[in-house]
C-alpha atoms as a PDB file:
ATOM      1  CA  PHE A   1     -23.347 -21.280 -13.111  1.00  0.00           C
ATOM      2  CA  ASN A   2     -24.818 -17.968 -14.459  1.00  0.00           C
ATOM      3  CA  PRO A   3     -28.200 -17.299 -12.871  1.00  0.00           C
ATOM      4  CA  THR A   4     -28.887 -14.579 -15.429  1.00  0.00           C
ATOM      5  CA  THR A   5     -29.778 -17.349 -17.847  1.00  0.00           C
ATOM      6  CA  LEU A   6     -32.881 -18.118 -15.981  1.00  0.00           C
ATOM      7  CA  SER A   7     -36.131 -16.270 -15.939  1.00  0.00           C
ATOM      8  CA  PRO A   8     -35.876 -13.032 -14.059  1.00  0.00           C
ATOM      9  CA  LEU A   9     -39.003 -14.107 -12.106  1.00  0.00           C
ATOM     10  CA  ILE A  10     -36.900 -16.912 -10.294  1.00  0.00           C
ATOM     11  CA  PRO A  11     -35.115 -15.810  -7.263  1.00  0.00           C
ATOM     12  CA  LEU A  12     -32.090 -17.955  -6.536  1.00  0.00           C
ATOM     13  CA  LEU A  13     -31.166 -18.493  -3.011  1.00  0.00           C
ATOM     14  CA  MET A  14     -28.038 -20.473  -2.130  1.00  0.00           C
ATOM     15  CA  MET A  15     -27.631 -21.894   1.376  1.00  0.00           C
ATOM     16  CA  THR A  16     -24.245 -22.942   2.539  1.00  0.00           C
ATOM     17  CA  ARG A  17     -23.218 -24.415   5.971  1.00  0.00           C
ATOM     18  CA  ARG A  18     -19.544 -23.878   6.748  1.00  0.00           C
ATOM     19  CA  PHE A  19     -17.427 -24.747   9.631  1.00  0.00           C
ATOM     20  CA  SER A  20     -17.441 -21.166  10.615  1.00  0.00           C
ATOM     21  CA  GLY A  21     -21.204 -21.001  10.903  1.00  0.00           C
ATOM     22  CA  SER A  22     -24.246 -21.089   8.846  1.00  0.00           C
ATOM     23  CA  ARG A  23     -25.380 -18.648   6.262  1.00  0.00           C
ATOM     24  CA  LEU A  24     -27.792 -17.929   3.503  1.00  0.00           C
ATOM     25  CA  VAL A  25     -26.576 -16.225   0.347  1.00  0.00           C
ATOM     26  CA  SER A  26     -28.903 -14.669  -2.093  1.00  0.00           C
ATOM     27  CA  ARG A  27     -27.259 -14.392  -5.597  1.00  0.00           C
ATOM     28  CA  SER A  28     -28.814 -12.170  -8.045  1.00  0.00           C
ATOM     29  CA  LEU A  29     -27.583  -8.736  -9.164  1.00  0.00           C
ATOM     30  CA  ASN A  30     -26.332  -8.258  -5.525  1.00  0.00           C
ATOM     31  CA  SER A  31     -25.285 -10.632  -2.947  1.00  0.00           C
ATOM     32  CA  LEU A  32     -26.717 -10.633   0.390  1.00  0.00           C
ATOM     33  CA  THR A  33     -25.957 -12.784   3.430  1.00  0.00           C
ATOM     34  CA  TYR A  34     -28.375 -13.854   6.175  1.00  0.00           C
ATOM     35  CA  PRO A  35     -28.122 -15.947   9.077  1.00  0.00           C
ATOM     36  CA  PHE A  36     -29.536 -19.515   8.264  1.00  0.00           C
ATOM     37  CA  PRO A  37     -32.391 -20.341  10.711  1.00  0.00           C
ATOM     38  CA  ASN A  38     -32.096 -23.236  13.121  1.00  0.00           C
ATOM     39  CA  GLY A  39     -34.684 -25.668  14.429  1.00  0.00           C
ATOM     40  CA  ALA A  40     -38.462 -24.841  13.885  1.00  0.00           C
ATOM     41  CA  ALA A  41     -37.455 -21.552  12.006  1.00  0.00           C
ATOM     42  CA  ALA A  42     -35.571 -23.778   9.552  1.00  0.00           C
ATOM     43  CA  ALA A  43     -38.549 -25.848   8.848  1.00  0.00           C
ATOM     44  CA  GLY A  44     -40.733 -22.814   8.269  1.00  0.00           C
ATOM     45  CA  PHE A  45     -37.952 -21.480   5.868  1.00  0.00           C
ATOM     46  CA  VAL A  46     -37.825 -24.605   3.837  1.00  0.00           C
ATOM     47  CA  GLN A  47     -41.644 -24.777   3.303  1.00  0.00           C
ATOM     48  CA  LYS A  48     -41.396 -21.234   1.643  1.00  0.00           C
ATOM     49  CA  LEU A  49     -38.953 -22.429  -0.878  1.00  0.00           C
ATOM     50  CA  ASP A  50     -39.898 -23.004  -4.585  1.00  0.00           C
ATOM     51  CA  ALA A  51     -37.202 -25.694  -4.752  1.00  0.00           C
ATOM     52  CA  LEU A  52     -34.269 -26.971  -2.781  1.00  0.00           C
ATOM     53  CA  VAL A  53     -30.832 -27.676  -4.570  1.00  0.00           C
ATOM     54  CA  LEU A  54     -28.126 -29.764  -2.889  1.00  0.00           C
ATOM     55  CA  PRO A  55     -25.080 -29.241  -5.211  1.00  0.00           C
ATOM     56  CA  SER A  56     -22.694 -31.265  -3.321  1.00  0.00           C
ATOM     57  CA  ARG A  57     -19.326 -32.082  -4.777  1.00  0.00           C
ATOM     58  CA  THR A  58     -17.223 -35.264  -4.071  1.00  0.00           C
ATOM     59  CA  VAL A  59     -13.741 -34.700  -3.037  1.00  0.00           C
ATOM     60  CA  PRO A  60     -11.063 -37.325  -2.188  1.00  0.00           C
ATOM     61  CA  THR A  61     -11.831 -37.457   1.422  1.00  0.00           C
ATOM     62  CA  TRP A  62     -15.626 -36.947   1.299  1.00  0.00           C
ATOM     63  CA  SER A  63     -18.791 -37.510  -0.606  1.00  0.00           C
ATOM     64  CA  GLU A  64     -22.414 -36.724   0.457  1.00  0.00           C
ATOM     65  CA  GLN A  65     -23.628 -39.281   2.971  1.00  0.00           C
ATOM     66  CA  PHE A  66     -27.267 -38.925   3.061  1.00  0.00           C
ATOM     67  CA  GLY A  67     -28.549 -35.467   2.471  1.00  0.00           C
ATOM     68  CA  LEU A  68     -31.222 -35.082   5.236  1.00  0.00           C
ATOM     69  CA  VAL A  69     -31.885 -31.822   3.944  1.00  0.00           C
ATOM     70  CA  LEU A  70     -33.512 -33.454   0.800  1.00  0.00           C
ATOM     71  CA  VAL A  71     -35.755 -35.446   3.075  1.00  0.00           C
ATOM     72  CA  GLU A  72     -36.952 -32.377   5.024  1.00  0.00           C
ATOM     73  CA  ALA A  73     -37.649 -30.574   1.811  1.00  0.00           C
ATOM     74  CA  MET A  74     -39.478 -33.521   0.371  1.00  0.00           C
ATOM     75  CA  LEU A  75     -41.542 -33.831   3.416  1.00  0.00           C
ATOM     76  CA  SER A  76     -42.617 -30.125   3.115  1.00  0.00           C
ATOM     77  CA  GLU A  77     -43.647 -30.645  -0.548  1.00  0.00           C
ATOM     78  CA  VAL A  78     -40.655 -28.712  -1.893  1.00  0.00           C
ATOM     79  CA  PRO A  79     -39.206 -30.206  -5.023  1.00  0.00           C
ATOM     80  CA  VAL A  80     -35.444 -31.245  -4.784  1.00  0.00           C
ATOM     81  CA  ILE A  81     -32.640 -31.046  -7.176  1.00  0.00           C
ATOM     82  CA  GLY A  82     -29.416 -32.760  -6.195  1.00  0.00           C
ATOM     83  CA  SER A  83     -25.946 -33.616  -7.668  1.00  0.00           C
ATOM     84  CA  ASP A  84     -24.996 -37.298  -8.257  1.00  0.00           C
ATOM     85  CA  SER A  85     -22.551 -37.007  -5.293  1.00  0.00           C
ATOM     86  CA  GLY A  86     -22.754 -40.100  -2.928  1.00  0.00           C
ATOM     87  CA  ALA A  87     -25.940 -41.073  -1.683  1.00  0.00           C
ATOM     88  CA  ILE A  88     -28.079 -38.213  -3.093  1.00  0.00           C
ATOM     89  CA  PRO A  89     -29.319 -40.198  -6.096  1.00  0.00           C
ATOM     90  CA  GLU A  90     -30.538 -42.934  -3.947  1.00  0.00           C
ATOM     91  CA  VAL A  91     -32.404 -40.512  -1.546  1.00  0.00           C
ATOM     92  CA  ILE A  92     -33.983 -38.596  -4.486  1.00  0.00           C
ATOM     93  CA  ASP A  93     -34.603 -41.501  -6.810  1.00  0.00           C
ATOM     94  CA  ASP A  94     -37.558 -40.447  -9.213  1.00  0.00           C
ATOM     95  CA  ALA A  95     -38.935 -37.894  -6.665  1.00  0.00           C
ATOM     96  CA  GLY A  96     -36.847 -35.103  -7.936  1.00  0.00           C
ATOM     97  CA  LEU A  97     -34.080 -34.128 -10.170  1.00  0.00           C
ATOM     98  CA  VAL A  98     -30.495 -35.290 -10.287  1.00  0.00           C
ATOM     99  CA  TYR A  99     -27.655 -33.757 -12.313  1.00  0.00           C
ATOM    100  CA  PRO A 100     -23.902 -34.724 -12.569  1.00  0.00           C
ATOM    101  CA  GLU A 101     -21.962 -32.935  -9.885  1.00  0.00           C
ATOM    102  CA  GLY A 102     -19.920 -30.029 -11.111  1.00  0.00           C
ATOM    103  CA  ASP A 103     -21.990 -29.426 -14.254  1.00  0.00           C
ATOM    104  CA  PRO A 104     -23.513 -26.075 -14.043  1.00  0.00           C
ATOM    105  CA  ALA A 105     -25.293 -26.379 -17.377  1.00  0.00           C
ATOM    106  CA  ALA A 106     -27.092 -29.488 -16.121  1.00  0.00           C
ATOM    107  CA  LEU A 107     -28.139 -27.804 -12.960  1.00  0.00           C
ATOM    108  CA  ALA A 108     -29.407 -24.776 -14.960  1.00  0.00           C
ATOM    109  CA  ALA A 109     -31.417 -27.318 -17.102  1.00  0.00           C
ATOM    110  CA  CYS A 110     -32.934 -28.797 -13.953  1.00  0.00           C
ATOM    111  CA  LEU A 111     -33.961 -25.457 -12.703  1.00  0.00           C
ATOM    112  CA  ARG A 112     -35.367 -24.629 -16.039  1.00  0.00           C
ATOM    113  CA  LEU A 113     -37.654 -27.649 -15.806  1.00  0.00           C
ATOM    114  CA  LEU A 114     -38.949 -26.560 -12.314  1.00  0.00           C
ATOM    115  CA  GLN A 115     -40.175 -23.329 -14.129  1.00  0.00           C
ATOM    116  CA  GLU A 116     -43.242 -25.469 -15.259  1.00  0.00           C
ATOM    117  CA  PRO A 117     -45.727 -25.538 -12.455  1.00  0.00           C
ATOM    118  CA  GLU A 118     -47.002 -28.844 -13.285  1.00  0.00           C
ATOM    119  CA  LYS A 119     -43.677 -30.578 -13.185  1.00  0.00           C
ATOM    120  CA  ARG A 120     -42.850 -28.574  -9.936  1.00  0.00           C
ATOM    121  CA  ARG A 121     -46.086 -29.879  -8.226  1.00  0.00           C
ATOM    122  CA  ALA A 122     -45.831 -33.478  -9.469  1.00  0.00           C
ATOM    123  CA  LEU A 123     -42.208 -33.591  -8.130  1.00  0.00           C
ATOM    124  CA  ALA A 124     -43.418 -31.987  -4.886  1.00  0.00           C
ATOM    125  CA  LEU A 125     -45.968 -34.611  -4.365  1.00  0.00           C
ATOM    126  CA  ARG A 126     -43.864 -37.456  -5.383  1.00  0.00           C
ATOM    127  CA  GLY A 127     -41.137 -36.345  -3.005  1.00  0.00           C
ATOM    128  CA  ARG A 128     -43.567 -36.112  -0.026  1.00  0.00           C
ATOM    129  CA  GLU A 129     -44.886 -39.519  -0.856  1.00  0.00           C
ATOM    130  CA  ARG A 130     -41.310 -41.026  -1.113  1.00  0.00           C
ATOM    131  CA  ALA A 131     -40.082 -39.276   2.038  1.00  0.00           C
ATOM    132  CA  ARG A 132     -43.214 -40.465   4.175  1.00  0.00           C
ATOM    133  CA  ARG A 133     -42.854 -44.052   2.758  1.00  0.00           C
ATOM    134  CA  LEU A 134     -38.973 -44.381   3.315  1.00  0.00           C
ATOM    135  CA  TYR A 135     -37.881 -41.708   5.852  1.00  0.00           C
ATOM    136  CA  SER A 136     -40.600 -40.747   8.280  1.00  0.00           C
ATOM    137  CA  ALA A 137     -40.146 -41.758  11.793  1.00  0.00           C
ATOM    138  CA  THR A 138     -42.850 -44.508  11.472  1.00  0.00           C
ATOM    139  CA  ALA A 139     -41.205 -45.894   8.389  1.00  0.00           C
ATOM    140  CA  LEU A 140     -37.776 -45.954  10.097  1.00  0.00           C
ATOM    141  CA  LEU A 141     -39.041 -47.519  13.366  1.00  0.00           C
ATOM    142  CA  ASP A 142     -40.815 -50.179  11.265  1.00  0.00           C
ATOM    143  CA  GLU A 143     -37.728 -50.963   9.222  1.00  0.00           C
ATOM    144  CA  THR A 144     -35.490 -51.211  12.495  1.00  0.00           C
ATOM    145  CA  TYR A 145     -38.168 -53.410  14.005  1.00  0.00           C
ATOM    146  CA  ARG A 146     -38.064 -55.607  11.032  1.00  0.00           C
ATOM    147  CA  LEU A 147     -34.175 -55.829  11.077  1.00  0.00           C
ATOM    148  CA  TYR A 148     -34.073 -56.660  14.634  1.00  0.00           C
ATOM    149  CA  THR A 149     -36.916 -59.311  14.238  1.00  0.00           C
ATOM    150  CA  ASP A 150     -34.949 -60.846  11.356  1.00  0.00           C
ATOM    151  CA  LEU A 151     -31.573 -60.870  13.209  1.00  0.00           C
ATOM    152  CA  LEU A 152     -33.328 -62.483  16.257  1.00  0.00           C
ATOM    153  CA  SER A 153     -34.880 -65.186  14.085  1.00  0.00           C
ATOM    154  CA  ARG A 154     -31.690 -66.060  12.445  1.00  0.00           C
ATOM    155  CA  SER A 155     -29.854 -66.284  15.860  1.00  0.00           C
ATOM    156  CA  ARG A 156     -32.461 -68.618  17.182  1.00  0.00           C
ATOM    157  CA  VAL A 157     -32.352 -70.844  14.045  1.00  0.00           C
ATOM    158  CA  GLY A 158     -28.331 -71.236  14.283  1.00  0.00           C
END
């Protein structure tokens, strides 16, 4: 991926979490490393992003399971882009952009789409609505309640 093909007005921040710890890497003409914030500071940091990219890549022993960071960004009205690794497409659906994993040209095309303020805002709002409807604490509690109610009603029948 060559960030110089994007508008010079778009700073590109790449966040990675490695087993040795968390770090934030800013890639432009120079590379800078910052500690990645935790807890409430992380939520405040995510809210300041123009977009969040989860470029996960599947390997023989792993694929992205859920991508909670996508939901966190969506709840913060931050548009999301994710690779098609594992469950990412299911989490994002039509509330963000999905590209083929390992395809930097497709990722660059998604980033270019987000240069359009109307597109960025529409995805941010669609993402928040989707995250609230499917992944908020209330939505998850309701779904769990429905599941248990259904299981209990089936056990009484048989």
